[in-house]
Protein backbone atom coordinates (compact mmCIF):
# COMPACT_ATOMS: atom_id res chain seq x y z
CA GLU A 1 52.56 128.58 133.35
CA ALA A 2 56.16 127.82 134.33
CA ALA A 3 56.06 130.47 137.06
CA TYR A 4 52.84 128.99 138.40
CA LEU A 5 54.30 125.49 138.54
CA ALA A 6 57.50 126.78 140.14
CA ARG A 7 55.47 127.94 143.16
CA PHE A 8 54.75 124.37 144.22
CA ASP A 9 57.14 122.58 146.53
CA GLY A 10 57.20 118.79 146.46
CA GLY A 11 58.54 118.72 150.01
CA LEU A 12 59.70 115.24 150.88
CA MET A 13 58.32 113.66 147.72
CA GLY A 14 61.75 113.10 146.12
CA LEU A 15 63.07 111.73 149.39
CA VAL A 16 60.21 109.25 149.75
CA GLY A 17 60.61 108.25 146.11
CA ALA A 18 64.28 107.49 146.71
CA TRP A 19 63.38 105.48 149.83
CA CYS A 20 60.86 103.43 147.82
CA GLU A 21 63.52 102.78 145.19
CA GLY A 22 65.71 101.18 147.87
CA LYS A 23 68.10 103.96 148.85
CA SER A 24 69.65 103.59 152.29
CA PHE A 25 68.75 105.91 155.15
CA SER A 26 72.23 107.44 155.09
CA GLU A 27 71.76 108.24 151.39
CA LEU A 28 68.48 109.97 152.22
CA CYS A 29 70.19 112.04 154.89
CA GLU A 30 72.74 113.22 152.33
CA MET A 31 69.98 114.31 149.94
CA VAL A 32 68.46 116.92 152.26
CA ASP A 33 69.36 119.29 155.04
CA LEU A 34 66.93 117.87 157.61
CA PHE A 35 67.26 116.17 160.96
CA GLU A 36 67.09 112.38 160.81
CA GLY A 37 64.03 112.39 163.08
CA THR A 38 62.19 114.69 160.68
CA ILE A 39 62.77 112.24 157.83
CA ILE A 40 61.62 109.28 159.92
CA ARG A 41 58.55 111.13 161.16
CA GLY A 42 57.57 112.12 157.62
CA ILE A 43 57.85 108.58 156.29
CA ARG A 44 55.97 107.13 159.28
CA ARG A 45 53.15 109.65 158.87
CA LEU A 46 52.92 108.75 155.19
CA SER A 47 52.60 105.12 156.24
CA GLU A 48 49.72 106.04 158.54
CA LEU A 49 48.05 107.96 155.71
CA LEU A 50 48.40 104.97 153.40
CA ASP A 51 46.71 102.80 156.03
CA GLU A 52 43.78 105.22 156.12
CA LEU A 53 43.59 105.29 152.33
CA LYS A 54 43.62 101.49 152.22
CA SER A 55 40.68 101.45 154.62
CA ALA A 56 38.79 103.95 152.48
CA ALA A 57 39.47 101.99 149.29
CA LYS A 58 38.25 98.81 150.98
CA ALA A 59 35.12 100.59 152.26
CA ILE A 60 34.15 101.70 148.75
CA GLY A 61 34.97 98.28 147.32
CA ASN A 62 37.85 99.35 145.09
CA GLU A 63 40.23 96.38 145.28
CA GLU A 64 42.61 97.76 142.64
CA LEU A 65 43.12 100.98 144.60
CA PHE A 66 43.50 99.00 147.82
CA GLN A 67 46.28 96.94 146.22
CA LYS A 68 48.11 100.07 145.05
CA PHE A 69 48.07 101.52 148.55
CA GLU A 70 49.20 98.17 149.95
CA GLU A 71 52.13 98.13 147.52
CA GLY A 72 53.07 101.62 148.69
CA CYS A 73 53.01 100.44 152.29
CA GLN A 74 55.30 97.54 151.49
CA LEU A 75 57.77 99.81 149.71
CA ILE A 76 58.17 102.28 152.57
CA ARG A 77 57.97 99.99 155.60
CA ARG A 78 61.54 98.81 155.88
CA ASP A 79 64.87 99.21 157.62
CA ILE A 80 65.65 101.71 160.34
CA VAL A 81 62.62 103.91 159.72
CA PHE A 82 60.33 101.16 161.04
CA ALA A 83 62.71 99.54 163.51
CA SER A 84 61.44 99.11 167.05
CA SER A 85 62.48 101.84 169.41
CA LEU A 86 62.95 102.08 173.15
CA TYR A 87 61.13 105.42 173.07
CA VAL A 88 58.42 105.04 170.42
CA GLU A 89 55.76 102.37 170.57
CA ILE A 90 54.44 101.28 167.18
């Protein structure tokens, strides 16, 4: 069972968890060997996924699930990752 579980890679899960706990972007960059843009893109795509999940939860009438996804959105949408850019339109 341990070998089976070891095959799975959490990817950016630990990084996103640290971001949600309030770590700074520079602290995130020190945690992994990735380009800054890759980190930002991953967190932004997660935000887009959460928006879709919120819509689905609302469509099925599950307010509790909707609120959980909304809380997730609020935790990740902060600081430099969601700052306006001259090159990227939000």
